[in-house]
Amino acid sequence: MELRHLRYFVVTAEAQHFTRAAELLGMAQPPLSQQIRQLEQEVGIPLCDRTGRCGALNDAGRAFLVCAQDILQRAQAAVQTVQRAARGEVGELTLGFTESAIPMWK
């Protein structure tokens, strides 16, 4: 399973229509439908009712949507953390005091 498949599913579920989702993703509708179908095959269960649009998520689709959104958010957070670390914005600061400094803080 690839992150792009999860993204395609989330956008399609939120748009509630394959054609609208394809436009938002900048791709044609048939390849998007094919990617959603492949995702369904991979998870082993249909995620939406095929009524010409994917707006009608079934119970499995609604549960999967929550998980897919969480995974995509975590992936984005991981990328941002790595980028911050590369800029030196993430690290650990350890402070130490000698006993002679403690009376000044009382």
PDB file of N, CA and C in Angstrom:
ATOM      1  N   MET A   1       0.852  -1.169   0.000  1.00  0.00           N
ATOM      2  CA  MET A   1       0.000   0.000   0.000  1.00  0.00           C
ATOM      3  C   MET A   1       0.901   1.237   0.000  1.00  0.00           C
ATOM      4  N   GLU A   2       0.593   2.159  -0.864  1.00  0.00           N
ATOM      5  CA  GLU A   2       1.387   3.373  -0.976  1.00  0.00           C
ATOM      6  C   GLU A   2       0.602   4.569  -0.438  1.00  0.00           C
ATOM      7  N   LEU A   3       1.340   5.561   0.042  1.00  0.00           N
ATOM      8  CA  LEU A   3       0.692   6.764   0.570  1.00  0.00           C
ATOM      9  C   LEU A   3      -0.189   7.425  -0.482  1.00  0.00           C
ATOM     10  N   ARG A   4       0.230   7.373  -1.736  1.00  0.00           N
ATOM     11  CA  ARG A   4      -0.578   8.016  -2.785  1.00  0.00           C
ATOM     12  C   ARG A   4      -1.947   7.358  -2.898  1.00  0.00           C
ATOM     13  N   HIS A   5      -2.012   6.037  -2.689  1.00  0.00           N
ATOM     14  CA  HIS A   5      -3.311   5.363  -2.732  1.00  0.00           C
ATOM     15  C   HIS A   5      -4.211   5.852  -1.601  1.00  0.00           C
ATOM     16  N   LEU A   6      -3.617   6.031  -0.432  1.00  0.00           N
ATOM     17  CA  LEU A   6      -4.391   6.553   0.697  1.00  0.00           C
ATOM     18  C   LEU A   6      -4.870   7.967   0.397  1.00  0.00           C
ATOM     19  N   ARG A   7      -3.984   8.773  -0.186  1.00  0.00           N
ATOM     20  CA  ARG A   7      -4.356  10.148  -0.533  1.00  0.00           C
ATOM     21  C   ARG A   7      -5.486  10.157  -1.559  1.00  0.00           C
ATOM     22  N   TYR A   8      -5.394   9.309  -2.566  1.00  0.00           N
ATOM     23  CA  TYR A   8      -6.457   9.221  -3.573  1.00  0.00           C
ATOM     24  C   TYR A   8      -7.781   8.860  -2.910  1.00  0.00           C
ATOM     25  N   PHE A   9      -7.744   7.893  -2.001  1.00  0.00           N
ATOM     26  CA  PHE A   9      -8.966   7.470  -1.323  1.00  0.00           C
ATOM     27  C   PHE A   9      -9.550   8.599  -0.485  1.00  0.00           C
ATOM     28  N   VAL A  10      -8.705   9.276   0.289  1.00  0.00           N
ATOM     29  CA  VAL A  10      -9.177  10.357   1.157  1.00  0.00           C
ATOM     30  C   VAL A  10      -9.787  11.482   0.326  1.00  0.00           C
ATOM     31  N   VAL A  11      -9.107  11.895  -0.730  1.00  0.00           N
ATOM     32  CA  VAL A  11      -9.629  12.982  -1.568  1.00  0.00           C
ATOM     33  C   VAL A  11     -10.944  12.558  -2.212  1.00  0.00           C
ATOM     34  N   THR A  12     -11.019  11.320  -2.673  1.00  0.00           N
ATOM     35  CA  THR A  12     -12.251  10.830  -3.298  1.00  0.00           C
ATOM     36  C   THR A  12     -13.392  10.783  -2.285  1.00  0.00           C
ATOM     37  N   ALA A  13     -13.109  10.303  -1.091  1.00  0.00           N
ATOM     38  CA  ALA A  13     -14.144  10.234  -0.055  1.00  0.00           C
ATOM     39  C   ALA A  13     -14.614  11.629   0.338  1.00  0.00           C
ATOM     40  N   GLU A  14     -13.677  12.569   0.457  1.00  0.00           N
ATOM     41  CA  GLU A  14     -14.047  13.934   0.842  1.00  0.00           C
ATOM     42  C   GLU A  14     -14.790  14.657  -0.279  1.00  0.00           C
ATOM     43  N   ALA A  15     -14.407  14.391  -1.529  1.00  0.00           N
ATOM     44  CA  ALA A  15     -15.085  15.018  -2.672  1.00  0.00           C
ATOM     45  C   ALA A  15     -16.433  14.358  -2.940  1.00  0.00           C
ATOM     46  N   GLN A  16     -16.589  13.132  -2.488  1.00  0.00           N
ATOM     47  CA  GLN A  16     -17.808  12.346  -2.659  1.00  0.00           C
ATOM     48  C   GLN A  16     -18.157  12.098  -4.118  1.00  0.00           C
ATOM     49  N   HIS A  17     -17.130  12.097  -4.964  1.00  0.00           N
ATOM     50  CA  HIS A  17     -17.375  11.868  -6.383  1.00  0.00           C
ATOM     51  C   HIS A  17     -16.044  11.610  -7.069  1.00  0.00           C
ATOM     52  N   PHE A  18     -15.977  10.545  -7.868  1.00  0.00           N
ATOM     53  CA  PHE A  18     -14.727  10.200  -8.548  1.00  0.00           C
ATOM     54  C   PHE A  18     -14.251  11.303  -9.491  1.00  0.00           C
ATOM     55  N   THR A  19     -15.150  11.847 -10.292  1.00  0.00           N
ATOM     56  CA  THR A  19     -14.743  12.860 -11.275  1.00  0.00           C
ATOM     57  C   THR A  19     -14.230  14.111 -10.587  1.00  0.00           C
ATOM     58  N   ARG A  20     -14.938  14.561  -9.557  1.00  0.00           N
ATOM     59  CA  ARG A  20     -14.507  15.744  -8.815  1.00  0.00           C
ATOM     60  C   ARG A  20     -13.151  15.504  -8.146  1.00  0.00           C
ATOM     61  N   ALA A  21     -12.977  14.326  -7.570  1.00  0.00           N
ATOM     62  CA  ALA A  21     -11.704  13.983  -6.925  1.00  0.00           C
ATOM     63  C   ALA A  21     -10.573  13.950  -7.948  1.00  0.00           C
ATOM     64  N   ALA A  22     -10.845  13.388  -9.110  1.00  0.00           N
ATOM     65  CA  ALA A  22      -9.823  13.332 -10.160  1.00  0.00           C
ATOM     66  C   ALA A  22      -9.389  14.734 -10.559  1.00  0.00           C
ATOM     67  N   GLU A  23     -10.341  15.642 -10.657  1.00  0.00           N
ATOM     68  CA  GLU A  23     -10.007  17.036 -10.986  1.00  0.00           C
ATOM     69  C   GLU A  23      -9.136  17.647  -9.893  1.00  0.00           C
ATOM     70  N   LEU A  24      -9.492  17.422  -8.637  1.00  0.00           N
ATOM     71  CA  LEU A  24      -8.707  17.953  -7.520  1.00  0.00           C
ATOM     72  C   LEU A  24      -7.290  17.389  -7.501  1.00  0.00           C
ATOM     73  N   LEU A  25      -7.155  16.140  -7.916  1.00  0.00           N
ATOM     74  CA  LEU A  25      -5.853  15.477  -7.917  1.00  0.00           C
ATOM     75  C   LEU A  25      -5.062  15.732  -9.197  1.00  0.00           C
ATOM     76  N   GLY A  26      -5.707  16.354 -10.178  1.00  0.00           N
ATOM     77  CA  GLY A  26      -5.035  16.644 -11.440  1.00  0.00           C
ATOM     78  C   GLY A  26      -4.794  15.405 -12.284  1.00  0.00           C
ATOM     79  N   MET A  27      -5.753  14.501 -12.254  1.00  0.00           N
ATOM     80  CA  MET A  27      -5.621  13.280 -13.042  1.00  0.00           C
ATOM     81  C   MET A  27      -6.964  12.949 -13.671  1.00  0.00           C
ATOM     82  N   ALA A  28      -6.955  12.004 -14.591  1.00  0.00           N
ATOM     83  CA  ALA A  28      -8.195  11.574 -15.233  1.00  0.00           C
ATOM     84  C   ALA A  28      -8.963  10.648 -14.288  1.00  0.00           C
ATOM     85  N   GLN A  29     -10.270  10.573 -14.489  1.00  0.00           N
ATOM     86  CA  GLN A  29     -11.121   9.773 -13.612  1.00  0.00           C
ATOM     87  C   GLN A  29     -10.878   8.264 -13.733  1.00  0.00           C
ATOM     88  N   PRO A  30     -10.709   7.711 -14.941  1.00  0.00           N
ATOM     89  CA  PRO A  30     -10.513   6.253 -15.016  1.00  0.00           C
ATOM     90  C   PRO A  30      -9.294   5.738 -14.234  1.00  0.00           C
ATOM     91  N   PRO A  31      -8.120   6.394 -14.332  1.00  0.00           N
ATOM     92  CA  PRO A  31      -6.992   5.908 -13.524  1.00  0.00           C
ATOM     93  C   PRO A  31      -7.246   6.029 -12.015  1.00  0.00           C
ATOM     94  N   LEU A  32      -7.967   7.068 -11.606  1.00  0.00           N
ATOM     95  CA  LEU A  32      -8.291   7.220 -10.183  1.00  0.00           C
ATOM     96  C   LEU A  32      -9.178   6.067  -9.726  1.00  0.00           C
ATOM     97  N   SER A  33     -10.208   5.772 -10.497  1.00  0.00           N
ATOM     98  CA  SER A  33     -11.101   4.656 -10.159  1.00  0.00           C
ATOM     99  C   SER A  33     -10.317   3.351 -10.074  1.00  0.00           C
ATOM    100  N   GLN A  34      -9.378   3.175 -10.995  1.00  0.00           N
ATOM    101  CA  GLN A  34      -8.554   1.970 -11.001  1.00  0.00           C
ATOM    102  C   GLN A  34      -7.691   1.897  -9.733  1.00  0.00           C
ATOM    103  N   GLN A  35      -7.131   3.024  -9.310  1.00  0.00           N
ATOM    104  CA  GLN A  35      -6.307   3.048  -8.100  1.00  0.00           C
ATOM    105  C   GLN A  35      -7.146   2.721  -6.859  1.00  0.00           C
ATOM    106  N   ILE A  36      -8.357   3.248  -6.802  1.00  0.00           N
ATOM    107  CA  ILE A  36      -9.248   2.952  -5.669  1.00  0.00           C
ATOM    108  C   ILE A  36      -9.606   1.467  -5.673  1.00  0.00           C
ATOM    109  N   ARG A  37      -9.879   0.927  -6.859  1.00  0.00           N
ATOM    110  CA  ARG A  37     -10.190  -0.495  -6.977  1.00  0.00           C
ATOM    111  C   ARG A  37      -9.009  -1.357  -6.511  1.00  0.00           C
ATOM    112  N   GLN A  38      -7.789  -0.954  -6.887  1.00  0.00           N
ATOM    113  CA  GLN A  38      -6.600  -1.692  -6.445  1.00  0.00           C
ATOM    114  C   GLN A  38      -6.459  -1.635  -4.923  1.00  0.00           C
ATOM    115  N   LEU A  39      -6.747  -0.473  -4.350  1.00  0.00           N
ATOM    116  CA  LEU A  39      -6.687  -0.332  -2.894  1.00  0.00           C
ATOM    117  C   LEU A  39      -7.700  -1.265  -2.236  1.00  0.00           C
ATOM    118  N   GLU A  40      -8.905  -1.306  -2.785  1.00  0.00           N
ATOM    119  CA  GLU A  40      -9.935  -2.197  -2.247  1.00  0.00           C
ATOM    120  C   GLU A  40      -9.497  -3.656  -2.347  1.00  0.00           C
ATOM    121  N   GLN A  41      -8.858  -4.014  -3.453  1.00  0.00           N
ATOM    122  CA  GLN A  41      -8.357  -5.384  -3.600  1.00  0.00           C
ATOM    123  C   GLN A  41      -7.282  -5.675  -2.560  1.00  0.00           C
ATOM    124  N   GLU A  42      -6.444  -4.675  -2.297  1.00  0.00           N
ATOM    125  CA  GLU A  42      -5.369  -4.870  -1.328  1.00  0.00           C
ATOM    126  C   GLU A  42      -5.902  -5.058   0.090  1.00  0.00           C
ATOM    127  N   VAL A  43      -6.919  -4.282   0.458  1.00  0.00           N
ATOM    128  CA  VAL A  43      -7.483  -4.445   1.804  1.00  0.00           C
ATOM    129  C   VAL A  43      -8.483  -5.600   1.856  1.00  0.00           C
ATOM    130  N   GLY A  44      -8.903  -6.071   0.690  1.00  0.00           N
ATOM    131  CA  GLY A  44      -9.747  -7.257   0.627  1.00  0.00           C
ATOM    132  C   GLY A  44     -11.224  -7.031   0.834  1.00  0.00           C
ATOM    133  N   ILE A  45     -11.657  -5.763   0.725  1.00  0.00           N
ATOM    134  CA  ILE A  45     -13.076  -5.467   0.930  1.00  0.00           C
ATOM    135  C   ILE A  45     -13.423  -4.166   0.222  1.00  0.00           C
ATOM    136  N   PRO A  46     -14.631  -4.074  -0.352  1.00  0.00           N
ATOM    137  CA  PRO A  46     -15.038  -2.797  -0.948  1.00  0.00           C
ATOM    138  C   PRO A  46     -15.124  -1.711   0.127  1.00  0.00           C
ATOM    139  N   LEU A  47     -14.711  -0.510  -0.229  1.00  0.00           N
ATOM    140  CA  LEU A  47     -14.723   0.614   0.709  1.00  0.00           C
ATOM    141  C   LEU A  47     -15.873   1.579   0.440  1.00  0.00           C
ATOM    142  N   CYS A  48     -16.446   1.497  -0.757  1.00  0.00           N
ATOM    143  CA  CYS A  48     -17.580   2.371  -1.075  1.00  0.00           C
ATOM    144  C   CYS A  48     -18.540   1.629  -1.980  1.00  0.00           C
ATOM    145  N   ASP A  49     -19.769   2.108  -1.964  1.00  0.00           N
ATOM    146  CA  ASP A  49     -20.789   1.547  -2.835  1.00  0.00           C
ATOM    147  C   ASP A  49     -20.615   2.164  -4.210  1.00  0.00           C
ATOM    148  N   ARG A  50     -20.591   1.342  -5.219  1.00  0.00           N
ATOM    149  CA  ARG A  50     -20.388   1.825  -6.581  1.00  0.00           C
ATOM    150  C   ARG A  50     -21.731   2.269  -7.173  1.00  0.00           C
ATOM    151  N   THR A  51     -22.040   3.540  -6.991  1.00  0.00           N
ATOM    152  CA  THR A  51     -23.271   4.098  -7.548  1.00  0.00           C
ATOM    153  C   THR A  51     -22.921   5.233  -8.501  1.00  0.00           C
ATOM    154  N   GLY A  52     -21.769   5.107  -9.171  1.00  0.00           N
ATOM    155  CA  GLY A  52     -21.319   6.159 -10.074  1.00  0.00           C
ATOM    156  C   GLY A  52     -20.462   7.193  -9.371  1.00  0.00           C
ATOM    157  N   ARG A  53     -20.424   7.101  -8.054  1.00  0.00           N
ATOM    158  CA  ARG A  53     -19.582   8.006  -7.278  1.00  0.00           C
ATOM    159  C   ARG A  53     -19.165   7.281  -6.007  1.00  0.00           C
ATOM    160  N   CYS A  54     -18.123   7.761  -5.376  1.00  0.00           N
ATOM    161  CA  CYS A  54     -17.649   7.097  -4.156  1.00  0.00           C
ATOM    162  C   CYS A  54     -18.074   7.906  -2.936  1.00  0.00           C
ATOM    163  N   GLY A  55     -19.184   8.602  -3.018  1.00  0.00           N
ATOM    164  CA  GLY A  55     -19.630   9.392  -1.889  1.00  0.00           C
ATOM    165  C   GLY A  55     -20.260   8.534  -0.816  1.00  0.00           C
ATOM    166  N   ALA A  56     -20.736   7.381  -1.224  1.00  0.00           N
ATOM    167  CA  ALA A  56     -21.419   6.505  -0.286  1.00  0.00           C
ATOM    168  C   ALA A  56     -20.432   5.485   0.267  1.00  0.00           C
ATOM    169  N   LEU A  57     -19.643   5.914   1.246  1.00  0.00           N
ATOM    170  CA  LEU A  57     -18.725   4.977   1.887  1.00  0.00           C
ATOM    171  C   LEU A  57     -19.534   3.986   2.708  1.00  0.00           C
ATOM    172  N   ASN A  58     -19.127   2.736   2.653  1.00  0.00           N
ATOM    173  CA  ASN A  58     -19.768   1.751   3.518  1.00  0.00           C
ATOM    174  C   ASN A  58     -19.089   1.803   4.890  1.00  0.00           C
ATOM    175  N   ASP A  59     -19.497   0.933   5.797  1.00  0.00           N
ATOM    176  CA  ASP A  59     -18.917   0.951   7.146  1.00  0.00           C
ATOM    177  C   ASP A  59     -17.404   0.762   7.110  1.00  0.00           C
ATOM    178  N   ALA A  60     -16.948  -0.158   6.276  1.00  0.00           N
ATOM    179  CA  ALA A  60     -15.505  -0.399   6.157  1.00  0.00           C
ATOM    180  C   ALA A  60     -14.801   0.837   5.606  1.00  0.00           C
ATOM    181  N   GLY A  61     -15.423   1.489   4.636  1.00  0.00           N
ATOM    182  CA  GLY A  61     -14.841   2.696   4.046  1.00  0.00           C
ATOM    183  C   GLY A  61     -14.737   3.832   5.044  1.00  0.00           C
ATOM    184  N   ARG A  62     -15.765   3.990   5.872  1.00  0.00           N
ATOM    185  CA  ARG A  62     -15.724   5.049   6.892  1.00  0.00           C
ATOM    186  C   ARG A  62     -14.623   4.777   7.917  1.00  0.00           C
ATOM    187  N   ALA A  63     -14.488   3.533   8.328  1.00  0.00           N
ATOM    188  CA  ALA A  63     -13.426   3.171   9.276  1.00  0.00           C
ATOM    189  C   ALA A  63     -12.054   3.358   8.634  1.00  0.00           C
ATOM    190  N   PHE A  64     -11.936   2.958   7.379  1.00  0.00           N
ATOM    191  CA  PHE A  64     -10.658   3.080   6.676  1.00  0.00           C
ATOM    192  C   PHE A  64     -10.304   4.546   6.453  1.00  0.00           C
ATOM    193  N   LEU A  65     -11.291   5.389   6.209  1.00  0.00           N
ATOM    194  CA  LEU A  65     -11.050   6.815   5.990  1.00  0.00           C
ATOM    195  C   LEU A  65     -10.374   7.441   7.207  1.00  0.00           C
ATOM    196  N   VAL A  66     -10.866   7.133   8.393  1.00  0.00           N
ATOM    197  CA  VAL A  66     -10.274   7.674   9.622  1.00  0.00           C
ATOM    198  C   VAL A  66      -8.812   7.250   9.730  1.00  0.00           C
ATOM    199  N   CYS A  67      -8.549   5.979   9.472  1.00  0.00           N
ATOM    200  CA  CYS A  67      -7.168   5.471   9.549  1.00  0.00           C
ATOM    201  C   CYS A  67      -6.288   6.102   8.476  1.00  0.00           C
ATOM    202  N   ALA A  68      -6.802   6.208   7.264  1.00  0.00           N
ATOM    203  CA  ALA A  68      -6.023   6.777   6.159  1.00  0.00           C
ATOM    204  C   ALA A  68      -5.681   8.236   6.433  1.00  0.00           C
ATOM    205  N   GLN A  69      -6.644   8.997   6.955  1.00  0.00           N
ATOM    206  CA  GLN A  69      -6.373  10.402   7.289  1.00  0.00           C
ATOM    207  C   GLN A  69      -5.285  10.504   8.353  1.00  0.00           C
ATOM    208  N   ASP A  70      -5.351   9.635   9.353  1.00  0.00           N
ATOM    209  CA  ASP A  70      -4.350   9.636  10.424  1.00  0.00           C
ATOM    210  C   ASP A  70      -2.962   9.298   9.875  1.00  0.00           C
ATOM    211  N   ILE A  71      -2.885   8.293   9.026  1.00  0.00           N
ATOM    212  CA  ILE A  71      -1.601   7.894   8.443  1.00  0.00           C
ATOM    213  C   ILE A  71      -1.012   9.033   7.627  1.00  0.00           C
ATOM    214  N   LEU A  72      -1.836   9.694   6.815  1.00  0.00           N
ATOM    215  CA  LEU A  72      -1.339  10.802   5.993  1.00  0.00           C
ATOM    216  C   LEU A  72      -0.867  11.968   6.861  1.00  0.00           C
ATOM    217  N   GLN A  73      -1.592  12.255   7.934  1.00  0.00           N
ATOM    218  CA  GLN A  73      -1.171  13.330   8.845  1.00  0.00           C
ATOM    219  C   GLN A  73       0.147  12.984   9.525  1.00  0.00           C
ATOM    220  N   ARG A  74       0.300  11.738   9.938  1.00  0.00           N
ATOM    221  CA  ARG A  74       1.545  11.306  10.586  1.00  0.00           C
ATOM    222  C   ARG A  74       2.717  11.331   9.604  1.00  0.00           C
ATOM    223  N   ALA A  75       2.467  10.951   8.371  1.00  0.00           N
ATOM    224  CA  ALA A  75       3.528  10.986   7.363  1.00  0.00           C
ATOM    225  C   ALA A  75       3.981  12.417   7.128  1.00  0.00           C
ATOM    226  N   GLN A  76       3.020  13.344   7.052  1.00  0.00           N
ATOM    227  CA  GLN A  76       3.363  14.754   6.867  1.00  0.00           C
ATOM    228  C   GLN A  76       4.128  15.285   8.074  1.00  0.00           C
ATOM    229  N   ALA A  77       3.720  14.898   9.267  1.00  0.00           N
ATOM    230  CA  ALA A  77       4.421  15.326  10.482  1.00  0.00           C
ATOM    231  C   ALA A  77       5.847  14.784  10.497  1.00  0.00           C
ATOM    232  N   ALA A  78       6.030  13.561  10.034  1.00  0.00           N
ATOM    233  CA  ALA A  78       7.374  12.975   9.981  1.00  0.00           C
ATOM    234  C   ALA A  78       8.268  13.756   9.030  1.00  0.00           C
ATOM    235  N   VAL A  79       7.727  14.128   7.878  1.00  0.00           N
ATOM    236  CA  VAL A  79       8.496  14.918   6.910  1.00  0.00           C
ATOM    237  C   VAL A  79       8.877  16.262   7.519  1.00  0.00           C
ATOM    238  N   GLN A  80       7.930  16.910   8.176  1.00  0.00           N
ATOM    239  CA  GLN A  80       8.213  18.210   8.792  1.00  0.00           C
ATOM    240  C   GLN A  80       9.252  18.089   9.901  1.00  0.00           C
ATOM    241  N   THR A  81       9.193  17.023  10.680  1.00  0.00           N
ATOM    242  CA  THR A  81      10.175  16.811  11.748  1.00  0.00           C
ATOM    243  C   THR A  81      11.571  16.629  11.172  1.00  0.00           C
ATOM    244  N   VAL A  82      11.683  15.845  10.125  1.00  0.00           N
ATOM    245  CA  VAL A  82      12.983  15.620   9.489  1.00  0.00           C
ATOM    246  C   VAL A  82      13.523  16.922   8.902  1.00  0.00           C
ATOM    247  N   GLN A  83      12.651  17.698   8.282  1.00  0.00           N
ATOM    248  CA  GLN A  83      13.087  18.976   7.708  1.00  0.00           C
ATOM    249  C   GLN A  83      13.555  19.928   8.801  1.00  0.00           C
ATOM    250  N   ARG A  84      12.837  19.969   9.923  1.00  0.00           N
ATOM    251  CA  ARG A  84      13.250  20.824  11.040  1.00  0.00           C
ATOM    252  C   ARG A  84      14.584  20.356  11.609  1.00  0.00           C
ATOM    253  N   ALA A  85      14.765  19.056  11.702  1.00  0.00           N
ATOM    254  CA  ALA A  85      16.030  18.511  12.205  1.00  0.00           C
ATOM    255  C   ALA A  85      17.181  18.874  11.272  1.00  0.00           C
ATOM    256  N   ALA A  86      16.933  18.829   9.979  1.00  0.00           N
ATOM    257  CA  ALA A  86      17.975  19.171   9.008  1.00  0.00           C
ATOM    258  C   ALA A  86      18.379  20.638   9.122  1.00  0.00           C
ATOM    259  N   ARG A  87      17.442  21.475   9.552  1.00  0.00           N
ATOM    260  CA  ARG A  87      17.741  22.905   9.737  1.00  0.00           C
ATOM    261  C   ARG A  87      18.303  23.183  11.132  1.00  0.00           C
ATOM    262  N   GLY A  88      18.437  22.154  11.942  1.00  0.00           N
ATOM    263  CA  GLY A  88      18.973  22.324  13.288  1.00  0.00           C
ATOM    264  C   GLY A  88      17.961  22.838  14.289  1.00  0.00           C
ATOM    265  N   GLU A  89      16.679  22.732  13.969  1.00  0.00           N
ATOM    266  CA  GLU A  89      15.630  23.242  14.852  1.00  0.00           C
ATOM    267  C   GLU A  89      15.169  22.206  15.870  1.00  0.00           C
ATOM    268  N   VAL A  90      15.611  20.984  15.739  1.00  0.00           N
ATOM    269  CA  VAL A  90      15.204  19.924  16.651  1.00  0.00           C
ATOM    270  C   VAL A  90      16.458  19.420  17.351  1.00  0.00           C
ATOM    271  N   GLY A  91      16.377  19.321  18.625  1.00  0.00           N
ATOM    272  CA  GLY A  91      17.524  18.834  19.377  1.00  0.00           C
ATOM    273  C   GLY A  91      17.187  18.779  20.846  1.00  0.00           C
ATOM    274  N   GLU A  92      18.179  18.543  21.646  1.00  0.00           N
ATOM    275  CA  GLU A  92      17.977  18.432  23.085  1.00  0.00           C
ATOM    276  C   GLU A  92      18.919  19.398  23.782  1.00  0.00           C
ATOM    277  N   LEU A  93      18.387  20.120  24.726  1.00  0.00           N
ATOM    278  CA  LEU A  93      19.177  21.060  25.513  1.00  0.00           C
ATOM    279  C   LEU A  93      19.190  20.564  26.949  1.00  0.00           C
ATOM    280  N   THR A  94      20.370  20.369  27.477  1.00  0.00           N
ATOM    281  CA  THR A  94      20.517  19.923  28.854  1.00  0.00           C
ATOM    282  C   THR A  94      21.156  21.040  29.654  1.00  0.00           C
ATOM    283  N   LEU A  95      20.512  21.420  30.746  1.00  0.00           N
ATOM    284  CA  LEU A  95      21.040  22.459  31.623  1.00  0.00           C
ATOM    285  C   LEU A  95      21.535  21.821  32.908  1.00  0.00           C
ATOM    286  N   GLY A  96      22.598  22.357  33.421  1.00  0.00           N
ATOM    287  CA  GLY A  96      23.125  21.863  34.685  1.00  0.00           C
ATOM    288  C   GLY A  96      23.473  23.034  35.590  1.00  0.00           C
ATOM    289  N   PHE A  97      23.300  22.847  36.869  1.00  0.00           N
ATOM    290  CA  PHE A  97      23.624  23.877  37.856  1.00  0.00           C
ATOM    291  C   PHE A  97      24.561  23.285  38.897  1.00  0.00           C
ATOM    292  N   THR A  98      25.437  24.095  39.361  1.00  0.00           N
ATOM    293  CA  THR A  98      26.260  23.678  40.497  1.00  0.00           C
ATOM    294  C   THR A  98      25.506  24.021  41.773  1.00  0.00           C
ATOM    295  N   GLU A  99      25.848  23.390  42.838  1.00  0.00           N
ATOM    296  CA  GLU A  99      25.165  23.632  44.110  1.00  0.00           C
ATOM    297  C   GLU A  99      25.298  25.078  44.548  1.00  0.00           C
ATOM    298  N   SER A 100      26.368  25.725  44.179  1.00  0.00           N
ATOM    299  CA  SER A 100      26.553  27.115  44.596  1.00  0.00           C
ATOM    300  C   SER A 100      25.550  28.054  43.931  1.00  0.00           C
ATOM    301  N   ALA A 101      24.928  27.645  42.825  1.00  0.00           N
ATOM    302  CA  ALA A 101      23.952  28.491  42.148  1.00  0.00           C
ATOM    303  C   ALA A 101      22.549  28.318  42.720  1.00  0.00           C
ATOM    304  N   ILE A 102      22.282  27.234  43.408  1.00  0.00           N
ATOM    305  CA  ILE A 102      20.948  26.944  43.923  1.00  0.00           C
ATOM    306  C   ILE A 102      20.449  28.010  44.896  1.00  0.00           C
ATOM    307  N   PRO A 103      21.238  28.527  45.847  1.00  0.00           N
ATOM    308  CA  PRO A 103      20.713  29.543  46.767  1.00  0.00           C
ATOM    309  C   PRO A 103      20.204  30.794  46.049  1.00  0.00           C
ATOM    310  N   MET A 104      20.714  31.105  44.881  1.00  0.00           N
ATOM    311  CA  MET A 104      20.254  32.293  44.150  1.00  0.00           C
ATOM    312  C   MET A 104      18.821  32.131  43.658  1.00  0.00           C
ATOM    313  N   TRP A 105      18.318  30.917  43.518  1.00  0.00           N
ATOM    314  CA  TRP A 105      16.987  30.663  42.984  1.00  0.00           C
ATOM    315  C   TRP A 105      15.943  30.533  44.076  1.00  0.00           C
ATOM    316  N   LYS A 106      16.336  30.633  45.320  1.00  0.00           N
ATOM    317  CA  LYS A 106      15.374  30.490  46.423  1.00  0.00           C
ATOM    318  C   LYS A 106      14.712  31.791  46.743  1.00  0.00           C
TER     319      LYS A 106
END
